[in-house]
Amino acid sequence: MQYLVEGITKDIIAYLMEDSGCDLPTALKEFYNSETFAKLSDEATGLYVESSSYVYEILKVELSMGRLT
């Protein structure tokens, strides 16, 4: 599970940097402090088996709304 979470995290950090133009420390802080990362890290949610792009879409909703809906 940890391997899958790390792979998705790596991809999402790259997506954040590319889409928003932020630097690495900002992207890391934004993702690691998100509710999406908490859900991704929780084995019970099963989110770690989804694609990186799917998880990124969830993060984008969270960032635009200020929370997960």
Protein backbone atom coordinates (compact mmCIF):
# COMPACT_ATOMS: atom_id res chain seq x y z
CA MET A 1 0.00 0.00 0.00
CA GLN A 2 2.75 2.46 0.95
CA TYR A 3 4.40 2.01 -2.44
CA LEU A 4 1.15 2.91 -4.23
CA VAL A 5 0.60 5.96 -2.02
CA GLU A 6 4.13 7.19 -2.70
CA GLY A 7 3.71 6.74 -6.46
CA ILE A 8 0.42 8.65 -6.51
CA THR A 9 1.91 11.36 -4.29
CA LYS A 10 4.87 11.80 -6.65
CA ASP A 11 2.53 12.20 -9.62
CA ILE A 12 0.21 14.63 -7.84
CA ILE A 13 3.10 16.83 -6.73
CA ALA A 14 4.22 16.99 -10.38
CA TYR A 15 0.65 17.82 -11.50
CA LEU A 16 0.39 20.60 -8.92
CA MET A 17 3.70 22.12 -9.97
CA GLU A 18 2.76 21.97 -13.65
CA ASP A 19 -0.82 23.20 -13.36
CA SER A 20 -0.42 25.92 -10.75
CA GLY A 21 3.20 26.86 -11.39
CA CYS A 22 4.11 26.52 -7.72
CA ASP A 23 7.49 25.37 -6.49
CA LEU A 24 8.24 21.98 -4.94
CA PRO A 25 7.99 23.01 -1.26
CA THR A 26 4.63 24.69 -1.87
CA ALA A 27 3.25 21.69 -3.77
CA LEU A 28 4.44 19.32 -1.04
CA LYS A 29 2.90 21.43 1.70
CA GLU A 30 -0.38 21.81 -0.18
CA PHE A 31 -0.80 18.09 -0.80
CA TYR A 32 0.50 16.71 2.50
CA ASN A 33 -1.79 19.09 4.43
CA SER A 34 -4.86 18.18 2.38
CA GLU A 35 -7.80 16.04 3.34
CA THR A 36 -7.22 14.17 0.08
CA PHE A 37 -3.79 13.01 1.28
CA ALA A 38 -5.30 11.89 4.58
CA LYS A 39 -7.88 9.82 2.68
CA LEU A 40 -5.21 8.45 0.33
CA SER A 41 -3.11 7.35 3.32
CA ASP A 42 -6.06 5.64 5.01
CA GLU A 43 -6.08 2.01 3.91
CA ALA A 44 -9.79 1.71 4.73
CA THR A 45 -10.75 4.15 1.93
CA GLY A 46 -9.09 2.11 -0.81
CA LEU A 47 -8.19 5.36 -2.58
CA TYR A 48 -4.60 4.16 -3.00
CA VAL A 49 -5.71 1.71 -5.73
CA GLU A 50 -7.14 4.48 -7.91
CA SER A 51 -5.17 6.28 -10.61
CA SER A 52 -3.08 9.36 -9.89
CA SER A 53 -5.28 11.46 -12.17
CA TYR A 54 -8.42 10.36 -10.31
CA VAL A 55 -6.93 11.32 -6.95
CA TYR A 56 -5.73 14.61 -8.44
CA GLU A 57 -9.27 15.43 -9.55
CA ILE A 58 -10.42 14.89 -5.96
CA LEU A 59 -7.65 17.21 -4.75
CA LYS A 60 -8.63 19.90 -7.26
CA VAL A 61 -12.21 19.82 -5.98
CA GLU A 62 -10.95 20.08 -2.40
CA LEU A 63 -8.69 23.01 -3.26
CA SER A 64 -11.45 24.87 -5.10
CA MET A 65 -14.10 24.24 -2.41
CA GLY A 66 -11.81 24.50 0.61
CA ARG A 67 -12.79 20.99 1.71
CA LEU A 68 -13.88 17.63 0.36
CA THR A 69 -17.57 17.32 -0.41
